[in-house]
Amino acid sequence: MEVTSTTTKSYASDKVGNWNLKYEFESANGAKPNGVRVTGDNGAGGFINADISTANSNISFGGGVAYNLDVAASILTNVAEINSSFDTIPA
């Protein structure tokens, strides 16, 4: 038997103010992920759903909370760090 492909699913978490953020992404054969999914909550009914990819990015806040620029900036920074970590992996 020969393994022809390996997919690695990774998880990370972060806290920004009162927001608990969870990151999920997959890498096929060590390549940069196609996108990063982010979910989170603020413990008071607010929630975040985000899908960040090269082609499209969407960060949505719900539960009656206003869009938070600090949280959105942190998400984009962390996704950039995730993506850059794959730039150093040899092909």
N, C-alpha and C. Protein backbone atom coordinates (compact mmCIF):
# COMPACT_ATOMS: atom_id res chain seq x y z
N MET A 1 0.84 -1.18 0.00
CA MET A 1 0.00 0.00 0.00
C MET A 1 0.89 1.24 0.00
N GLU A 2 0.48 2.20 -0.80
CA GLU A 2 1.22 3.46 -0.89
C GLU A 2 0.29 4.61 -0.50
N VAL A 3 0.76 5.43 0.42
CA VAL A 3 0.00 6.63 0.81
C VAL A 3 0.27 7.69 -0.24
N THR A 4 -0.78 8.19 -0.88
CA THR A 4 -0.60 9.16 -1.96
C THR A 4 -0.96 10.57 -1.55
N SER A 5 -1.62 10.70 -0.41
CA SER A 5 -2.03 12.03 0.04
C SER A 5 -2.24 12.02 1.54
N THR A 6 -1.88 13.11 2.19
CA THR A 6 -2.10 13.25 3.62
C THR A 6 -2.75 14.59 3.90
N THR A 7 -3.86 14.56 4.61
CA THR A 7 -4.53 15.80 5.00
C THR A 7 -4.45 15.92 6.52
N THR A 8 -3.99 17.08 6.97
CA THR A 8 -3.86 17.35 8.39
C THR A 8 -4.86 18.43 8.78
N LYS A 9 -5.68 18.13 9.77
CA LYS A 9 -6.66 19.09 10.28
C LYS A 9 -6.06 19.68 11.55
N SER A 10 -6.04 21.01 11.63
CA SER A 10 -5.44 21.68 12.78
C SER A 10 -6.45 22.59 13.46
N TYR A 11 -6.27 22.76 14.75
CA TYR A 11 -7.14 23.59 15.56
C TYR A 11 -6.28 24.53 16.39
N ALA A 12 -6.78 25.74 16.61
CA ALA A 12 -6.08 26.71 17.46
C ALA A 12 -7.14 27.55 18.17
N SER A 13 -6.74 28.23 19.21
CA SER A 13 -7.68 29.10 19.91
C SER A 13 -6.97 30.38 20.33
N ASP A 14 -7.77 31.40 20.60
CA ASP A 14 -7.25 32.70 20.98
C ASP A 14 -8.32 33.42 21.79
N LYS A 15 -7.90 34.36 22.60
CA LYS A 15 -8.84 35.18 23.36
C LYS A 15 -8.50 36.64 23.08
N VAL A 16 -9.50 37.40 22.65
CA VAL A 16 -9.35 38.83 22.38
C VAL A 16 -10.42 39.55 23.19
N GLY A 17 -10.01 40.25 24.23
CA GLY A 17 -10.98 40.86 25.13
C GLY A 17 -11.82 39.75 25.74
N ASN A 18 -13.14 39.86 25.62
CA ASN A 18 -14.01 38.81 26.16
C ASN A 18 -14.44 37.80 25.08
N TRP A 19 -13.79 37.86 23.92
CA TRP A 19 -14.11 36.94 22.83
C TRP A 19 -13.21 35.71 22.88
N ASN A 20 -13.81 34.53 22.85
CA ASN A 20 -13.10 33.26 22.74
C ASN A 20 -13.20 32.81 21.30
N LEU A 21 -12.06 32.71 20.64
CA LEU A 21 -12.02 32.39 19.21
C LEU A 21 -11.43 31.01 18.99
N LYS A 22 -12.00 30.27 18.04
CA LYS A 22 -11.51 28.94 17.68
C LYS A 22 -11.25 28.92 16.19
N TYR A 23 -10.07 28.44 15.82
CA TYR A 23 -9.63 28.39 14.42
C TYR A 23 -9.56 26.93 13.98
N GLU A 24 -9.94 26.67 12.74
CA GLU A 24 -9.89 25.33 12.18
C GLU A 24 -9.44 25.43 10.72
N PHE A 25 -8.45 24.60 10.35
CA PHE A 25 -7.99 24.61 8.96
C PHE A 25 -7.39 23.27 8.61
N GLU A 26 -7.38 22.97 7.30
CA GLU A 26 -6.83 21.73 6.79
C GLU A 26 -5.70 22.00 5.81
N SER A 27 -4.69 21.15 5.89
CA SER A 27 -3.56 21.23 4.97
C SER A 27 -3.41 19.89 4.26
N ALA A 28 -3.38 19.94 2.95
CA ALA A 28 -3.19 18.72 2.15
C ALA A 28 -1.73 18.64 1.73
N ASN A 29 -1.06 17.58 2.13
CA ASN A 29 0.35 17.34 1.78
C ASN A 29 1.26 18.50 2.16
N GLY A 30 0.96 19.16 3.28
CA GLY A 30 1.81 20.24 3.77
C GLY A 30 1.62 21.57 3.08
N ALA A 31 0.65 21.66 2.17
CA ALA A 31 0.40 22.91 1.45
C ALA A 31 -0.38 23.88 2.33
N LYS A 32 -0.30 25.15 1.96
CA LYS A 32 -1.05 26.19 2.65
C LYS A 32 -2.54 25.85 2.58
N PRO A 33 -3.28 26.05 3.68
CA PRO A 33 -4.71 25.75 3.65
C PRO A 33 -5.46 26.65 2.67
N ASN A 34 -6.54 26.12 2.10
CA ASN A 34 -7.37 26.91 1.20
C ASN A 34 -8.14 27.98 1.95
N GLY A 35 -8.37 27.76 3.23
CA GLY A 35 -9.10 28.73 4.03
C GLY A 35 -9.03 28.37 5.49
N VAL A 36 -9.43 29.31 6.32
CA VAL A 36 -9.46 29.12 7.76
C VAL A 36 -10.86 29.47 8.24
N ARG A 37 -11.46 28.59 9.00
CA ARG A 37 -12.78 28.85 9.58
C ARG A 37 -12.58 29.29 11.02
N VAL A 38 -13.26 30.35 11.40
CA VAL A 38 -13.16 30.88 12.76
C VAL A 38 -14.55 31.00 13.35
N THR A 39 -14.71 30.49 14.56
CA THR A 39 -15.95 30.67 15.30
C THR A 39 -15.59 31.23 16.67
N GLY A 40 -16.54 31.86 17.30
CA GLY A 40 -16.27 32.39 18.63
C GLY A 40 -17.50 32.92 19.30
N ASP A 41 -17.35 33.20 20.60
CA ASP A 41 -18.44 33.79 21.35
C ASP A 41 -17.85 34.72 22.42
N ASN A 42 -18.71 35.61 22.91
CA ASN A 42 -18.27 36.55 23.92
C ASN A 42 -18.83 36.24 25.30
N GLY A 43 -19.48 35.08 25.44
CA GLY A 43 -20.02 34.68 26.73
C GLY A 43 -21.29 35.42 27.12
N ALA A 44 -21.76 36.32 26.26
CA ALA A 44 -22.96 37.10 26.58
C ALA A 44 -23.96 37.05 25.42
N GLY A 45 -23.94 35.97 24.66
CA GLY A 45 -24.90 35.82 23.57
C GLY A 45 -24.39 36.24 22.21
N GLY A 46 -23.25 36.94 22.15
CA GLY A 46 -22.68 37.32 20.86
C GLY A 46 -21.87 36.19 20.26
N PHE A 47 -21.85 36.13 18.94
CA PHE A 47 -21.08 35.08 18.28
C PHE A 47 -20.43 35.61 17.01
N ILE A 48 -19.42 34.88 16.55
CA ILE A 48 -18.68 35.20 15.33
C ILE A 48 -18.65 33.95 14.46
N ASN A 49 -18.85 34.15 13.17
CA ASN A 49 -18.58 33.13 12.16
C ASN A 49 -17.74 33.80 11.10
N ALA A 50 -16.61 33.19 10.78
CA ALA A 50 -15.73 33.77 9.78
C ALA A 50 -15.16 32.67 8.89
N ASP A 51 -15.07 32.96 7.63
CA ASP A 51 -14.39 32.11 6.65
C ASP A 51 -13.40 33.00 5.92
N ILE A 52 -12.13 32.71 6.09
CA ILE A 52 -11.08 33.53 5.50
C ILE A 52 -10.32 32.68 4.49
N SER A 53 -10.28 33.13 3.23
CA SER A 53 -9.51 32.45 2.20
C SER A 53 -8.86 33.50 1.33
N THR A 54 -8.03 33.05 0.41
CA THR A 54 -7.36 33.99 -0.48
C THR A 54 -8.37 34.72 -1.36
N ALA A 55 -9.37 33.98 -1.82
CA ALA A 55 -10.33 34.57 -2.75
C ALA A 55 -11.41 35.40 -2.05
N ASN A 56 -11.85 34.94 -0.89
CA ASN A 56 -12.96 35.59 -0.20
C ASN A 56 -12.74 35.60 1.31
N SER A 57 -13.17 36.66 1.95
CA SER A 57 -13.11 36.73 3.40
C SER A 57 -14.44 37.25 3.91
N ASN A 58 -14.93 36.61 4.97
CA ASN A 58 -16.20 37.02 5.56
C ASN A 58 -16.09 36.88 7.07
N ILE A 59 -16.31 37.96 7.79
CA ILE A 59 -16.35 37.94 9.25
C ILE A 59 -17.69 38.52 9.65
N SER A 60 -18.52 37.69 10.28
CA SER A 60 -19.87 38.11 10.68
C SER A 60 -20.02 38.03 12.18
N PHE A 61 -20.55 39.08 12.77
CA PHE A 61 -20.87 39.11 14.19
C PHE A 61 -22.38 38.98 14.32
N GLY A 62 -22.85 38.25 15.31
CA GLY A 62 -24.29 38.08 15.51
C GLY A 62 -24.65 38.12 16.98
N GLY A 63 -25.90 37.89 17.25
CA GLY A 63 -26.37 37.89 18.63
C GLY A 63 -26.55 39.28 19.19
N GLY A 64 -26.76 40.25 18.30
CA GLY A 64 -27.01 41.61 18.76
C GLY A 64 -25.76 42.41 19.11
N VAL A 65 -24.58 41.92 18.72
CA VAL A 65 -23.36 42.66 19.01
C VAL A 65 -22.89 43.42 17.77
N ALA A 66 -22.22 44.53 18.01
CA ALA A 66 -21.69 45.35 16.92
C ALA A 66 -20.41 44.73 16.37
N TYR A 67 -20.11 45.04 15.13
CA TYR A 67 -18.85 44.61 14.50
C TYR A 67 -17.70 45.18 15.33
N ASN A 68 -16.75 44.35 15.70
CA ASN A 68 -15.64 44.75 16.55
C ASN A 68 -14.35 44.73 15.72
N LEU A 69 -13.82 45.92 15.43
CA LEU A 69 -12.63 46.02 14.58
C LEU A 69 -11.41 45.35 15.20
N ASP A 70 -11.26 45.43 16.53
CA ASP A 70 -10.10 44.80 17.18
C ASP A 70 -10.14 43.28 17.01
N VAL A 71 -11.31 42.69 17.17
CA VAL A 71 -11.45 41.25 17.01
C VAL A 71 -11.23 40.86 15.55
N ALA A 72 -11.82 41.61 14.63
CA ALA A 72 -11.64 41.31 13.20
C ALA A 72 -10.17 41.42 12.81
N ALA A 73 -9.48 42.45 13.30
CA ALA A 73 -8.05 42.61 12.99
C ALA A 73 -7.23 41.46 13.56
N SER A 74 -7.58 41.02 14.76
CA SER A 74 -6.86 39.90 15.37
C SER A 74 -7.07 38.62 14.55
N ILE A 75 -8.30 38.39 14.09
CA ILE A 75 -8.58 37.21 13.26
C ILE A 75 -7.73 37.25 11.99
N LEU A 76 -7.72 38.39 11.31
CA LEU A 76 -6.95 38.50 10.06
C LEU A 76 -5.45 38.33 10.31
N THR A 77 -4.95 38.87 11.42
CA THR A 77 -3.53 38.71 11.77
C THR A 77 -3.20 37.25 12.03
N ASN A 78 -4.05 36.57 12.80
CA ASN A 78 -3.79 35.15 13.09
C ASN A 78 -3.87 34.29 11.84
N VAL A 79 -4.80 34.58 10.96
CA VAL A 79 -4.89 33.82 9.70
C VAL A 79 -3.64 34.06 8.85
N ALA A 80 -3.15 35.29 8.81
CA ALA A 80 -1.92 35.58 8.07
C ALA A 80 -0.74 34.81 8.66
N GLU A 81 -0.69 34.70 10.00
CA GLU A 81 0.38 33.93 10.65
C GLU A 81 0.25 32.44 10.32
N ILE A 82 -0.97 31.93 10.33
CA ILE A 82 -1.18 30.52 9.96
C ILE A 82 -0.68 30.29 8.53
N ASN A 83 -1.10 31.15 7.61
CA ASN A 83 -0.68 30.98 6.21
C ASN A 83 0.82 31.12 6.05
N SER A 84 1.43 32.08 6.74
CA SER A 84 2.88 32.27 6.58
C SER A 84 3.67 31.10 7.15
N SER A 85 3.10 30.39 8.11
CA SER A 85 3.82 29.23 8.66
C SER A 85 3.97 28.13 7.62
N PHE A 86 3.13 28.12 6.60
CA PHE A 86 3.23 27.12 5.55
C PHE A 86 4.20 27.57 4.45
N ASP A 87 4.55 28.86 4.41
CA ASP A 87 5.49 29.35 3.40
C ASP A 87 6.89 28.79 3.63
N THR A 88 7.20 28.36 4.87
CA THR A 88 8.54 27.89 5.19
C THR A 88 8.69 26.39 5.04
N ILE A 89 7.59 25.70 4.73
CA ILE A 89 7.65 24.24 4.57
C ILE A 89 8.17 23.92 3.17
N PRO A 90 9.23 23.10 3.09
CA PRO A 90 9.76 22.76 1.76
C PRO A 90 8.74 21.97 0.93
N ALA A 91 8.80 22.18 -0.36
CA ALA A 91 7.87 21.48 -1.27
C ALA A 91 8.24 20.03 -1.42
